[in-house]
Structures are given as C-alpha cells and as structure tokens.
Amino acid sequence: MSFEGDALFYTDQHLVNGENQAGALSGPMNPQQFELGENKFMHFIRSHQENGMFKYREQMKNNALRGNYYLRVEMRDIQAFDEDLYVKFREMPVDFIRVFEKATETIYRNDIYD
C-alpha cells in the first residue's frame, strides 16, 4: 500500500495475516459494520457532486460503457463526506477496500445495468 498525496494505491499481498504492519490487530469486520460501511460508500458514490455534476456516478457510467469496471476515488472527497469513514479507511484499508468494492459492485448492478 502506498499513499501519494490524496490518491490511494493498494495491492493486497497477503503477507500479513490479521495484523497490520504496526502490530495491532485489525480483525475482521462484523456484518453490521460491513453493511454500515457499504451503505455509507454507496451514499458517497451516488451523492458526491463537483461543479454541479455527480462525479463518481458519471465516472462509473463512462467506465462501464468502455467495459472497464473500476472507480477511481480521491481520498479528500471521502474525507469531506465523512471524516470517520475516512479515518477508518486509512486505519484498516484491507477491510475498507473490500467494503468499497462491494458498494461499487452493488451500484453497477443496480444503477448502471438496471
């Protein structure tokens, strides 16, 4: 994982099992935390606007038209949306990447291909 400015680049190497690099246990998220995080991310993706446009909804639609199923998100946008979500994302990126991916998948399935 590398943090460069407001961008987050991540790859799970499965080198650390249940422990972050500082040695503190991150532990798996319980289903209620997962669902709450997924709902927050879905709300963020659907509602975030920049210059009067829904930045991430438009990005998802444009990517889907090209057959690309990913979403590039700026961390500062998550921070402006929900500071607590941003902090948890930075503290437990493995768990929150998974939650974010599930939220993105749900939006693609329900909104883009509805």
PDB file of N, CA and C in Angstrom:
ATOM      1  N   MET A   1       0.854  -1.166   0.000  1.00  0.00           N
ATOM      2  CA  MET A   1       0.000   0.000   0.000  1.00  0.00           C
ATOM      3  C   MET A   1       0.896   1.223   0.000  1.00  0.00           C
ATOM      4  N   SER A   2       0.519   2.183  -0.788  1.00  0.00           N
ATOM      5  CA  SER A   2       1.296   3.405  -0.894  1.00  0.00           C
ATOM      6  C   SER A   2       0.355   4.595  -0.910  1.00  0.00           C
ATOM      7  N   PHE A   3       0.666   5.608  -0.142  1.00  0.00           N
ATOM      8  CA  PHE A   3      -0.136   6.816  -0.145  1.00  0.00           C
ATOM      9  C   PHE A   3       0.678   7.911  -0.809  1.00  0.00           C
ATOM     10  N   GLU A   4       0.137   8.447  -1.885  1.00  0.00           N
ATOM     11  CA  GLU A   4       0.809   9.527  -2.587  1.00  0.00           C
ATOM     12  C   GLU A   4      -0.184  10.655  -2.747  1.00  0.00           C
ATOM     13  N   GLY A   5      -0.030  11.676  -1.951  1.00  0.00           N
ATOM     14  CA  GLY A   5      -0.978  12.786  -1.987  1.00  0.00           C
ATOM     15  C   GLY A   5      -2.343  12.308  -1.543  1.00  0.00           C
ATOM     16  N   ASP A   6      -3.356  12.648  -2.328  1.00  0.00           N
ATOM     17  CA  ASP A   6      -4.716  12.261  -1.997  1.00  0.00           C
ATOM     18  C   ASP A   6      -5.143  10.983  -2.694  1.00  0.00           C
ATOM     19  N   ALA A   7      -4.245  10.341  -3.393  1.00  0.00           N
ATOM     20  CA  ALA A   7      -4.588   9.100  -4.091  1.00  0.00           C
ATOM     21  C   ALA A   7      -4.184   7.906  -3.238  1.00  0.00           C
ATOM     22  N   LEU A   8      -4.929   6.839  -3.338  1.00  0.00           N
ATOM     23  CA  LEU A   8      -4.637   5.621  -2.611  1.00  0.00           C
ATOM     24  C   LEU A   8      -4.384   4.525  -3.625  1.00  0.00           C
ATOM     25  N   PHE A   9      -3.187   3.955  -3.583  1.00  0.00           N
ATOM     26  CA  PHE A   9      -2.850   2.833  -4.430  1.00  0.00           C
ATOM     27  C   PHE A   9      -2.686   1.638  -3.515  1.00  0.00           C
ATOM     28  N   TYR A  10      -3.292   0.529  -3.851  1.00  0.00           N
ATOM     29  CA  TYR A  10      -3.349  -0.578  -2.933  1.00  0.00           C
ATOM     30  C   TYR A  10      -3.189  -1.898  -3.649  1.00  0.00           C
ATOM     31  N   THR A  11      -2.452  -2.783  -3.054  1.00  0.00           N
ATOM     32  CA  THR A  11      -2.396  -4.163  -3.517  1.00  0.00           C
ATOM     33  C   THR A  11      -2.282  -5.046  -2.293  1.00  0.00           C
ATOM     34  N   ASP A  12      -3.101  -6.086  -2.212  1.00  0.00           N
ATOM     35  CA  ASP A  12      -3.078  -6.998  -1.080  1.00  0.00           C
ATOM     36  C   ASP A  12      -2.125  -8.129  -1.399  1.00  0.00           C
ATOM     37  N   GLN A  13      -1.022  -8.174  -0.711  1.00  0.00           N
ATOM     38  CA  GLN A  13      -0.006  -9.196  -0.942  1.00  0.00           C
ATOM     39  C   GLN A  13      -0.220 -10.414  -0.052  1.00  0.00           C
ATOM     40  N   HIS A  14      -1.191 -10.352   0.850  1.00  0.00           N
ATOM     41  CA  HIS A  14      -1.478 -11.440   1.802  1.00  0.00           C
ATOM     42  C   HIS A  14      -0.222 -11.828   2.589  1.00  0.00           C
ATOM     43  N   LEU A  15       0.613 -10.834   2.891  1.00  0.00           N
ATOM     44  CA  LEU A  15       1.833 -11.092   3.633  1.00  0.00           C
ATOM     45  C   LEU A  15       1.618 -11.032   5.134  1.00  0.00           C
ATOM     46  N   VAL A  16       0.605 -10.305   5.551  1.00  0.00           N
ATOM     47  CA  VAL A  16       0.320 -10.145   6.965  1.00  0.00           C
ATOM     48  C   VAL A  16      -1.054 -10.746   7.214  1.00  0.00           C
ATOM     49  N   ASN A  17      -1.148 -11.648   8.150  1.00  0.00           N
ATOM     50  CA  ASN A  17      -2.408 -12.344   8.390  1.00  0.00           C
ATOM     51  C   ASN A  17      -3.091 -11.820   9.642  1.00  0.00           C
ATOM     52  N   GLY A  18      -4.126 -10.963   9.471  1.00  0.00           N
ATOM     53  CA  GLY A  18      -4.896 -10.465  10.603  1.00  0.00           C
ATOM     54  C   GLY A  18      -4.195  -9.415  11.426  1.00  0.00           C
ATOM     55  N   GLU A  19      -3.068  -8.924  10.987  1.00  0.00           N
ATOM     56  CA  GLU A  19      -2.320  -7.951  11.746  1.00  0.00           C
ATOM     57  C   GLU A  19      -1.827  -6.864  10.815  1.00  0.00           C
ATOM     58  N   ASN A  20      -1.957  -5.605  11.222  1.00  0.00           N
ATOM     59  CA  ASN A  20      -1.406  -4.560  10.371  1.00  0.00           C
ATOM     60  C   ASN A  20       0.095  -4.461  10.629  1.00  0.00           C
ATOM     61  N   GLN A  21       0.794  -3.648   9.871  1.00  0.00           N
ATOM     62  CA  GLN A  21       2.247  -3.635   9.974  1.00  0.00           C
ATOM     63  C   GLN A  21       2.751  -3.049  11.277  1.00  0.00           C
ATOM     64  N   ALA A  22       1.929  -2.274  11.956  1.00  0.00           N
ATOM     65  CA  ALA A  22       2.347  -1.723  13.242  1.00  0.00           C
ATOM     66  C   ALA A  22       2.211  -2.761  14.345  1.00  0.00           C
ATOM     67  N   GLY A  23       1.545  -3.899  14.041  1.00  0.00           N
ATOM     68  CA  GLY A  23       1.423  -4.956  15.027  1.00  0.00           C
ATOM     69  C   GLY A  23       0.081  -5.004  15.711  1.00  0.00           C
ATOM     70  N   ALA A  24      -0.782  -4.019  15.493  1.00  0.00           N
ATOM     71  CA  ALA A  24      -2.096  -4.027  16.130  1.00  0.00           C
ATOM     72  C   ALA A  24      -3.045  -4.884  15.308  1.00  0.00           C
ATOM     73  N   LEU A  25      -3.862  -5.639  15.982  1.00  0.00           N
ATOM     74  CA  LEU A  25      -4.821  -6.482  15.280  1.00  0.00           C
ATOM     75  C   LEU A  25      -5.890  -5.631  14.627  1.00  0.00           C
ATOM     76  N   SER A  26      -6.138  -5.891  13.355  1.00  0.00           N
ATOM     77  CA  SER A  26      -7.215  -5.173  12.683  1.00  0.00           C
ATOM     78  C   SER A  26      -8.495  -5.986  12.752  1.00  0.00           C
ATOM     79  N   GLY A  27      -8.384  -7.309  12.747  1.00  0.00           N
ATOM     80  CA  GLY A  27      -9.540  -8.190  12.878  1.00  0.00           C
ATOM     81  C   GLY A  27     -10.561  -7.988  11.785  1.00  0.00           C
ATOM     82  N   PRO A  28     -11.352  -9.001  11.530  1.00  0.00           N
ATOM     83  CA  PRO A  28     -12.389  -8.866  10.508  1.00  0.00           C
ATOM     84  C   PRO A  28     -13.534  -7.990  10.992  1.00  0.00           C
ATOM     85  N   MET A  29     -14.175  -7.334  10.056  1.00  0.00           N
ATOM     86  CA  MET A  29     -15.331  -6.508  10.384  1.00  0.00           C
ATOM     87  C   MET A  29     -16.524  -7.416  10.614  1.00  0.00           C
ATOM     88  N   ASN A  30     -17.378  -7.051  11.560  1.00  0.00           N
ATOM     89  CA  ASN A  30     -18.591  -7.838  11.733  1.00  0.00           C
ATOM     90  C   ASN A  30     -19.594  -7.436  10.649  1.00  0.00           C
ATOM     91  N   PRO A  31     -20.609  -8.276  10.394  1.00  0.00           N
ATOM     92  CA  PRO A  31     -21.557  -7.993   9.305  1.00  0.00           C
ATOM     93  C   PRO A  31     -22.248  -6.639   9.415  1.00  0.00           C
ATOM     94  N   GLN A  32     -22.548  -6.193  10.627  1.00  0.00           N
ATOM     95  CA  GLN A  32     -23.209  -4.902  10.808  1.00  0.00           C
ATOM     96  C   GLN A  32     -22.279  -3.758  10.399  1.00  0.00           C
ATOM     97  N   GLN A  33     -21.003  -3.832  10.779  1.00  0.00           N
ATOM     98  CA  GLN A  33     -20.036  -2.809  10.379  1.00  0.00           C
ATOM     99  C   GLN A  33     -19.855  -2.807   8.863  1.00  0.00           C
ATOM    100  N   PHE A  34     -19.801  -3.997   8.274  1.00  0.00           N
ATOM    101  CA  PHE A  34     -19.636  -4.119   6.830  1.00  0.00           C
ATOM    102  C   PHE A  34     -20.804  -3.454   6.113  1.00  0.00           C
ATOM    103  N   GLU A  35     -22.032  -3.753   6.558  1.00  0.00           N
ATOM    104  CA  GLU A  35     -23.221  -3.191   5.917  1.00  0.00           C
ATOM    105  C   GLU A  35     -23.287  -1.677   6.083  1.00  0.00           C
ATOM    106  N   LEU A  36     -22.957  -1.185   7.269  1.00  0.00           N
ATOM    107  CA  LEU A  36     -22.958   0.251   7.511  1.00  0.00           C
ATOM    108  C   LEU A  36     -21.941   0.944   6.606  1.00  0.00           C
ATOM    109  N   GLY A  37     -20.733   0.382   6.519  1.00  0.00           N
ATOM    110  CA  GLY A  37     -19.710   0.945   5.649  1.00  0.00           C
ATOM    111  C   GLY A  37     -20.131   0.911   4.190  1.00  0.00           C
ATOM    112  N   GLU A  38     -20.741  -0.207   3.771  1.00  0.00           N
ATOM    113  CA  GLU A  38     -21.201  -0.325   2.384  1.00  0.00           C
ATOM    114  C   GLU A  38     -22.253   0.734   2.079  1.00  0.00           C
ATOM    115  N   ASN A  39     -23.197   0.924   2.987  1.00  0.00           N
ATOM    116  CA  ASN A  39     -24.246   1.929   2.779  1.00  0.00           C
ATOM    117  C   ASN A  39     -23.665   3.336   2.708  1.00  0.00           C
ATOM    118  N   LYS A  40     -22.688   3.631   3.564  1.00  0.00           N
ATOM    119  CA  LYS A  40     -22.055   4.955   3.528  1.00  0.00           C
ATOM    120  C   LYS A  40     -21.323   5.175   2.204  1.00  0.00           C
ATOM    121  N   PHE A  41     -20.588   4.169   1.763  1.00  0.00           N
ATOM    122  CA  PHE A  41     -19.870   4.297   0.496  1.00  0.00           C
ATOM    123  C   PHE A  41     -20.842   4.443  -0.667  1.00  0.00           C
ATOM    124  N   MET A  42     -21.932   3.695  -0.662  1.00  0.00           N
ATOM    125  CA  MET A  42     -22.919   3.808  -1.732  1.00  0.00           C
ATOM    126  C   MET A  42     -23.514   5.214  -1.751  1.00  0.00           C
ATOM    127  N   HIS A  43     -23.833   5.744  -0.574  1.00  0.00           N
ATOM    128  CA  HIS A  43     -24.367   7.103  -0.493  1.00  0.00           C
ATOM    129  C   HIS A  43     -23.334   8.105  -1.025  1.00  0.00           C
ATOM    130  N   PHE A  44     -22.071   7.921  -0.645  1.00  0.00           N
ATOM    131  CA  PHE A  44     -20.998   8.796  -1.115  1.00  0.00           C
ATOM    132  C   PHE A  44     -20.898   8.772  -2.641  1.00  0.00           C
ATOM    133  N   ILE A  45     -20.846   7.582  -3.228  1.00  0.00           N
ATOM    134  CA  ILE A  45     -20.691   7.457  -4.684  1.00  0.00           C
ATOM    135  C   ILE A  45     -21.876   8.076  -5.407  1.00  0.00           C
ATOM    136  N   ARG A  46     -23.064   7.840  -4.908  1.00  0.00           N
ATOM    137  CA  ARG A  46     -24.269   8.338  -5.579  1.00  0.00           C
ATOM    138  C   ARG A  46     -24.481   9.834  -5.392  1.00  0.00           C
ATOM    139  N   SER A  47     -23.989  10.409  -4.304  1.00  0.00           N
ATOM    140  CA  SER A  47     -24.343  11.796  -3.998  1.00  0.00           C
ATOM    141  C   SER A  47     -23.238  12.816  -4.203  1.00  0.00           C
ATOM    142  N   HIS A  48     -21.978  12.388  -4.297  1.00  0.00           N
ATOM    143  CA  HIS A  48     -20.879  13.364  -4.382  1.00  0.00           C
ATOM    144  C   HIS A  48     -20.966  14.157  -5.685  1.00  0.00           C
ATOM    145  N   GLN A  49     -20.961  15.473  -5.529  1.00  0.00           N
ATOM    146  CA  GLN A  49     -21.018  16.356  -6.694  1.00  0.00           C
ATOM    147  C   GLN A  49     -19.797  17.266  -6.728  1.00  0.00           C
ATOM    148  N   GLU A  50     -19.382  17.571  -7.950  1.00  0.00           N
ATOM    149  CA  GLU A  50     -18.312  18.531  -8.174  1.00  0.00           C
ATOM    150  C   GLU A  50     -18.693  19.342  -9.399  1.00  0.00           C
ATOM    151  N   ASN A  51     -18.742  20.642  -9.249  1.00  0.00           N
ATOM    152  CA  ASN A  51     -19.146  21.546 -10.334  1.00  0.00           C
ATOM    153  C   ASN A  51     -20.518  21.178 -10.900  1.00  0.00           C
ATOM    154  N   GLY A  52     -21.434  20.814 -10.011  1.00  0.00           N
ATOM    155  CA  GLY A  52     -22.805  20.505 -10.421  1.00  0.00           C
ATOM    156  C   GLY A  52     -22.995  19.155 -11.096  1.00  0.00           C
ATOM    157  N   MET A  53     -21.946  18.336 -11.131  1.00  0.00           N
ATOM    158  CA  MET A  53     -22.046  17.008 -11.739  1.00  0.00           C
ATOM    159  C   MET A  53     -21.810  15.946 -10.672  1.00  0.00           C
ATOM    160  N   PHE A  54     -22.466  14.804 -10.846  1.00  0.00           N
ATOM    161  CA  PHE A  54     -22.243  13.674  -9.947  1.00  0.00           C
ATOM    162  C   PHE A  54     -20.974  12.964 -10.413  1.00  0.00           C
ATOM    163  N   LYS A  55     -19.879  13.347  -9.802  1.00  0.00           N
ATOM    164  CA  LYS A  55     -18.539  12.953 -10.237  1.00  0.00           C
ATOM    165  C   LYS A  55     -18.369  11.439 -10.380  1.00  0.00           C
ATOM    166  N   TYR A  56     -18.718  10.690  -9.357  1.00  0.00           N
ATOM    167  CA  TYR A  56     -18.437   9.258  -9.374  1.00  0.00           C
ATOM    168  C   TYR A  56     -19.493   8.460 -10.124  1.00  0.00           C
ATOM    169  N   ARG A  57     -20.735   8.905 -10.107  1.00  0.00           N
ATOM    170  CA  ARG A  57     -21.761   8.222 -10.906  1.00  0.00           C
ATOM    171  C   ARG A  57     -21.426   8.334 -12.387  1.00  0.00           C
ATOM    172  N   GLU A  58     -21.009   9.517 -12.813  1.00  0.00           N
ATOM    173  CA  GLU A  58     -20.656   9.711 -14.223  1.00  0.00           C
ATOM    174  C   GLU A  58     -19.422   8.888 -14.598  1.00  0.00           C
ATOM    175  N   GLN A  59     -18.448   8.856 -13.698  1.00  0.00           N
ATOM    176  CA  GLN A  59     -17.253   8.070 -13.961  1.00  0.00           C
ATOM    177  C   GLN A  59     -17.608   6.587 -14.123  1.00  0.00           C
ATOM    178  N   MET A  60     -18.483   6.085 -13.263  1.00  0.00           N
ATOM    179  CA  MET A  60     -18.894   4.685 -13.349  1.00  0.00           C
ATOM    180  C   MET A  60     -19.611   4.397 -14.666  1.00  0.00           C
ATOM    181  N   LYS A  61     -20.522   5.280 -15.058  1.00  0.00           N
ATOM    182  CA  LYS A  61     -21.246   5.082 -16.319  1.00  0.00           C
ATOM    183  C   LYS A  61     -20.288   5.081 -17.505  1.00  0.00           C
ATOM    184  N   ASN A  62     -19.387   6.063 -17.546  1.00  0.00           N
ATOM    185  CA  ASN A  62     -18.422   6.145 -18.645  1.00  0.00           C
ATOM    186  C   ASN A  62     -17.500   4.926 -18.688  1.00  0.00           C
ATOM    187  N   ASN A  63     -17.053   4.486 -17.526  1.00  0.00           N
ATOM    188  CA  ASN A  63     -16.197   3.301 -17.477  1.00  0.00           C
ATOM    189  C   ASN A  63     -16.948   2.062 -17.949  1.00  0.00           C
ATOM    190  N   ALA A  64     -18.197   1.914 -17.515  1.00  0.00           N
ATOM    191  CA  ALA A  64     -18.995   0.737 -17.891  1.00  0.00           C
ATOM    192  C   ALA A  64     -19.220   0.688 -19.394  1.00  0.00           C
ATOM    193  N   LEU A  65     -19.431   1.840 -20.018  1.00  0.00           N
ATOM    194  CA  LEU A  65     -19.616   1.872 -21.469  1.00  0.00           C
ATOM    195  C   LEU A  65     -18.379   1.356 -22.210  1.00  0.00           C
ATOM    196  N   ARG A  66     -17.221   1.525 -21.605  1.00  0.00           N
ATOM    197  CA  ARG A  66     -15.971   1.058 -22.206  1.00  0.00           C
ATOM    198  C   ARG A  66     -15.602  -0.347 -21.752  1.00  0.00           C
ATOM    199  N   GLY A  67     -16.434  -0.950 -20.886  1.00  0.00           N
ATOM    200  CA  GLY A  67     -16.136  -2.287 -20.380  1.00  0.00           C
ATOM    201  C   GLY A  67     -15.111  -2.300 -19.262  1.00  0.00           C
ATOM    202  N   ASN A  68     -14.894  -1.137 -18.648  1.00  0.00           N
ATOM    203  CA  ASN A  68     -13.962  -1.028 -17.524  1.00  0.00           C
ATOM    204  C   ASN A  68     -14.775  -0.903 -16.244  1.00  0.00           C
ATOM    205  N   TYR A  69     -14.567  -1.820 -15.321  1.00  0.00           N
ATOM    206  CA  TYR A  69     -15.365  -1.836 -14.102  1.00  0.00           C
ATOM    207  C   TYR A  69     -14.491  -1.507 -12.893  1.00  0.00           C
ATOM    208  N   TYR A  70     -14.165  -0.234 -12.782  1.00  0.00           N
ATOM    209  CA  TYR A  70     -13.401   0.261 -11.652  1.00  0.00           C
ATOM    210  C   TYR A  70     -13.864   1.681 -11.367  1.00  0.00           C
ATOM    211  N   LEU A  71     -13.455   2.181 -10.224  1.00  0.00           N
ATOM    212  CA  LEU A  71     -13.802   3.540  -9.840  1.00  0.00           C
ATOM    213  C   LEU A  71     -12.589   4.148  -9.160  1.00  0.00           C
ATOM    214  N   ARG A  72     -12.139   5.261  -9.666  1.00  0.00           N
ATOM    215  CA  ARG A  72     -11.001   5.973  -9.069  1.00  0.00           C
ATOM    216  C   ARG A  72     -11.564   7.079  -8.186  1.00  0.00           C
ATOM    217  N   VAL A  73     -11.261   6.997  -6.898  1.00  0.00           N
ATOM    218  CA  VAL A  73     -11.819   7.922  -5.912  1.00  0.00           C
ATOM    219  C   VAL A  73     -10.701   8.689  -5.232  1.00  0.00           C
ATOM    220  N   GLU A  74     -10.934   9.958  -5.020  1.00  0.00           N
ATOM    221  CA  GLU A  74      -9.968  10.790  -4.307  1.00  0.00           C
ATOM    222  C   GLU A  74     -10.280  10.742  -2.814  1.00  0.00           C
ATOM    223  N   MET A  75      -9.248  10.468  -2.031  1.00  0.00           N
ATOM    224  CA  MET A  75      -9.428  10.338  -0.581  1.00  0.00           C
ATOM    225  C   MET A  75      -9.950  11.626   0.039  1.00  0.00           C
ATOM    226  N   ARG A  76      -9.583  12.763  -0.492  1.00  0.00           N
ATOM    227  CA  ARG A  76     -10.066  14.022   0.087  1.00  0.00           C
ATOM    228  C   ARG A  76     -11.588  14.148  -0.061  1.00  0.00           C
ATOM    229  N   ASP A  77     -12.157  13.520  -1.098  1.00  0.00           N
ATOM    230  CA  ASP A  77     -13.614  13.538  -1.258  1.00  0.00           C
ATOM    231  C   ASP A  77     -14.280  12.692  -0.180  1.00  0.00           C
ATOM    232  N   ILE A  78     -13.684  11.530   0.131  1.00  0.00           N
ATOM    233  CA  ILE A  78     -14.221  10.699   1.221  1.00  0.00           C
ATOM    234  C   ILE A  78     -14.090  11.443   2.537  1.00  0.00           C
ATOM    235  N   GLN A  79     -12.967  12.104   2.736  1.00  0.00           N
ATOM    236  CA  GLN A  79     -12.741  12.853   3.975  1.00  0.00           C
ATOM    237  C   GLN A  79     -13.765  13.976   4.136  1.00  0.00           C
ATOM    238  N   ALA A  80     -14.063  14.679   3.059  1.00  0.00           N
ATOM    239  CA  ALA A  80     -15.045  15.765   3.121  1.00  0.00           C
ATOM    240  C   ALA A  80     -16.445  15.222   3.358  1.00  0.00           C
ATOM    241  N   PHE A  81     -16.727  14.029   2.869  1.00  0.00           N
ATOM    242  CA  PHE A  81     -18.042  13.407   3.019  1.00  0.00           C
ATOM    243  C   PHE A  81     -18.260  12.907   4.441  1.00  0.00           C
ATOM    244  N   ASP A  82     -17.270  12.182   4.993  1.00  0.00           N
ATOM    245  CA  ASP A  82     -17.427  11.573   6.319  1.00  0.00           C
ATOM    246  C   ASP A  82     -16.041  11.338   6.912  1.00  0.00           C
ATOM    247  N   GLU A  83     -15.655  12.182   7.836  1.00  0.00           N
ATOM    248  CA  GLU A  83     -14.324  12.113   8.445  1.00  0.00           C
ATOM    249  C   GLU A  83     -14.077  10.762   9.114  1.00  0.00           C
ATOM    250  N   ASP A  84     -15.077  10.227   9.809  1.00  0.00           N
ATOM    251  CA  ASP A  84     -14.930   8.948  10.495  1.00  0.00           C
ATOM    252  C   ASP A  84     -14.682   7.818   9.494  1.00  0.00           C
ATOM    253  N   LEU A  85     -15.414   7.815   8.401  1.00  0.00           N
ATOM    254  CA  LEU A  85     -15.226   6.812   7.357  1.00  0.00           C
ATOM    255  C   LEU A  85     -13.816   6.916   6.766  1.00  0.00           C
ATOM    256  N   TYR A  86     -13.376   8.127   6.542  1.00  0.00           N
ATOM    257  CA  TYR A  86     -12.030   8.375   6.018  1.00  0.00           C
ATOM    258  C   TYR A  86     -10.961   7.824   6.968  1.00  0.00           C
ATOM    259  N   VAL A  87     -11.101   8.108   8.260  1.00  0.00           N
ATOM    260  CA  VAL A  87     -10.127   7.650   9.255  1.00  0.00           C
ATOM    261  C   VAL A  87     -10.097   6.124   9.297  1.00  0.00           C
ATOM    262  N   LYS A  88     -11.275   5.508   9.316  1.00  0.00           N
ATOM    263  CA  LYS A  88     -11.326   4.040   9.356  1.00  0.00           C
ATOM    264  C   LYS A  88     -10.734   3.438   8.082  1.00  0.00           C
ATOM    265  N   PHE A  89     -10.984   4.065   6.949  1.00  0.00           N
ATOM    266  CA  PHE A  89     -10.431   3.595   5.678  1.00  0.00           C
ATOM    267  C   PHE A  89      -8.901   3.618   5.738  1.00  0.00           C
ATOM    268  N   ARG A  90      -8.349   4.694   6.276  1.00  0.00           N
ATOM    269  CA  ARG A  90      -6.887   4.814   6.374  1.00  0.00           C
ATOM    270  C   ARG A  90      -6.305   3.836   7.384  1.00  0.00           C
ATOM    271  N   GLU A  91      -7.052   3.549   8.464  1.00  0.00           N
ATOM    272  CA  GLU A  91      -6.566   2.653   9.506  1.00  0.00           C
ATOM    273  C   GLU A  91      -6.683   1.181   9.113  1.00  0.00           C
ATOM    274  N   MET A  92      -7.730   0.829   8.367  1.00  0.00           N
ATOM    275  CA  MET A  92      -7.983  -0.568   8.006  1.00  0.00           C
ATOM    276  C   MET A  92      -8.251  -0.684   6.502  1.00  0.00           C
ATOM    277  N   PRO A  93      -7.261  -0.371   5.668  1.00  0.00           N
ATOM    278  CA  PRO A  93      -7.506  -0.342   4.223  1.00  0.00           C
ATOM    279  C   PRO A  93      -7.941  -1.686   3.644  1.00  0.00           C
ATOM    280  N   VAL A  94      -7.430  -2.793   4.159  1.00  0.00           N
ATOM    281  CA  VAL A  94      -7.804  -4.103   3.617  1.00  0.00           C
ATOM    282  C   VAL A  94      -9.307  -4.324   3.774  1.00  0.00           C
ATOM    283  N   ASP A  95      -9.825  -4.054   4.958  1.00  0.00           N
ATOM    284  CA  ASP A  95     -11.258  -4.236   5.210  1.00  0.00           C
ATOM    285  C   ASP A  95     -12.091  -3.255   4.394  1.00  0.00           C
ATOM    286  N   PHE A  96     -11.674  -2.002   4.355  1.00  0.00           N
ATOM    287  CA  PHE A  96     -12.494  -0.986   3.707  1.00  0.00           C
ATOM    288  C   PHE A  96     -12.392  -1.007   2.189  1.00  0.00           C
ATOM    289  N   ILE A  97     -11.311  -1.501   1.635  1.00  0.00           N
ATOM    290  CA  ILE A  97     -11.252  -1.704   0.180  1.00  0.00           C
ATOM    291  C   ILE A  97     -12.313  -2.736  -0.196  1.00  0.00           C
ATOM    292  N   ARG A  98     -12.406  -3.798   0.586  1.00  0.00           N
ATOM    293  CA  ARG A  98     -13.391  -4.857   0.336  1.00  0.00           C
ATOM    294  C   ARG A  98     -14.814  -4.300   0.420  1.00  0.00           C
ATOM    295  N   VAL A  99     -15.080  -3.472   1.418  1.00  0.00           N
ATOM    296  CA  VAL A  99     -16.399  -2.862   1.583  1.00  0.00           C
ATOM    297  C   VAL A  99     -16.685  -1.926   0.408  1.00  0.00           C
ATOM    298  N   PHE A 100     -15.703  -1.124   0.038  1.00  0.00           N
ATOM    299  CA  PHE A 100     -15.874  -0.187  -1.068  1.00  0.00           C
ATOM    300  C   PHE A 100     -16.131  -0.930  -2.380  1.00  0.00           C
ATOM    301  N   GLU A 101     -15.402  -2.013  -2.599  1.00  0.00           N
ATOM    302  CA  GLU A 101     -15.616  -2.813  -3.812  1.00  0.00           C
ATOM    303  C   GLU A 101     -17.031  -3.384  -3.858  1.00  0.00           C
ATOM    304  N   LYS A 102     -17.524  -3.844  -2.720  1.00  0.00           N
ATOM    305  CA  LYS A 102     -18.881  -4.393  -2.659  1.00  0.00           C
ATOM    306  C   LYS A 102     -19.902  -3.295  -2.950  1.00  0.00           C
ATOM    307  N   ALA A 103     -19.699  -2.102  -2.402  1.00  0.00           N
ATOM    308  CA  ALA A 103     -20.606  -0.978  -2.660  1.00  0.00           C
ATOM    309  C   ALA A 103     -20.595  -0.614  -4.136  1.00  0.00           C
ATOM    310  N   THR A 104     -19.419  -0.584  -4.730  1.00  0.00           N
ATOM    311  CA  THR A 104     -19.293  -0.254  -6.153  1.00  0.00           C
ATOM    312  C   THR A 104     -19.978  -1.316  -7.007  1.00  0.00           C
ATOM    313  N   GLU A 105     -19.779  -2.572  -6.658  1.00  0.00           N
ATOM    314  CA  GLU A 105     -20.423  -3.673  -7.388  1.00  0.00           C
ATOM    315  C   GLU A 105     -21.942  -3.559  -7.317  1.00  0.00           C
ATOM    316  N   THR A 106     -22.465  -3.245  -6.144  1.00  0.00           N
ATOM    317  CA  THR A 106     -23.913  -3.101  -5.967  1.00  0.00           C
ATOM    318  C   THR A 106     -24.450  -1.963  -6.831  1.00  0.00           C
ATOM    319  N   ILE A 107     -23.746  -0.851  -6.879  1.00  0.00           N
ATOM    320  CA  ILE A 107     -24.188   0.281  -7.698  1.00  0.00           C
ATOM    321  C   ILE A 107     -24.133  -0.082  -9.176  1.00  0.00           C
ATOM    322  N   TYR A 108     -23.063  -0.731  -9.610  1.00  0.00           N
ATOM    323  CA  TYR A 108     -23.006  -1.168 -11.010  1.00  0.00           C
ATOM    324  C   TYR A 108     -24.200  -2.061 -11.330  1.00  0.00           C
ATOM    325  N   ARG A 109     -24.468  -3.003 -10.470  1.00  0.00           N
ATOM    326  CA  ARG A 109     -25.546  -3.965 -10.710  1.00  0.00           C
ATOM    327  C   ARG A 109     -26.914  -3.289 -10.679  1.00  0.00           C
ATOM    328  N   ASN A 110     -27.165  -2.419  -9.702  1.00  0.00           N
ATOM    329  CA  ASN A 110     -28.496  -1.838  -9.507  1.00  0.00           C
ATOM    330  C   ASN A 110     -28.752  -0.564 -10.301  1.00  0.00           C
ATOM    331  N   ASP A 111     -27.745   0.278 -10.420  1.00  0.00           N
ATOM    332  CA  ASP A 111     -27.957   1.587 -11.051  1.00  0.00           C
ATOM    333  C   ASP A 111     -27.540   1.620 -12.525  1.00  0.00           C
ATOM    334  N   ILE A 112     -26.398   1.061 -12.809  1.00  0.00           N
ATOM    335  CA  ILE A 112     -25.841   1.148 -14.159  1.00  0.00           C
ATOM    336  C   ILE A 112     -26.557   0.183 -15.100  1.00  0.00           C
ATOM    337  N   TYR A 113     -26.799  -1.028 -14.644  1.00  0.00           N
ATOM    338  CA  TYR A 113     -27.402  -2.047 -15.512  1.00  0.00           C
ATOM    339  C   TYR A 113     -28.839  -2.337 -15.181  1.00  0.00           C
ATOM    340  N   ASP A 114     -29.504  -1.423 -14.500  1.00  0.00           N
ATOM    341  CA  ASP A 114     -30.909  -1.609 -14.122  1.00  0.00           C
ATOM    342  C   ASP A 114     -31.808  -1.474 -15.330  1.00  0.00           C
TER     343      ASP A 114
END
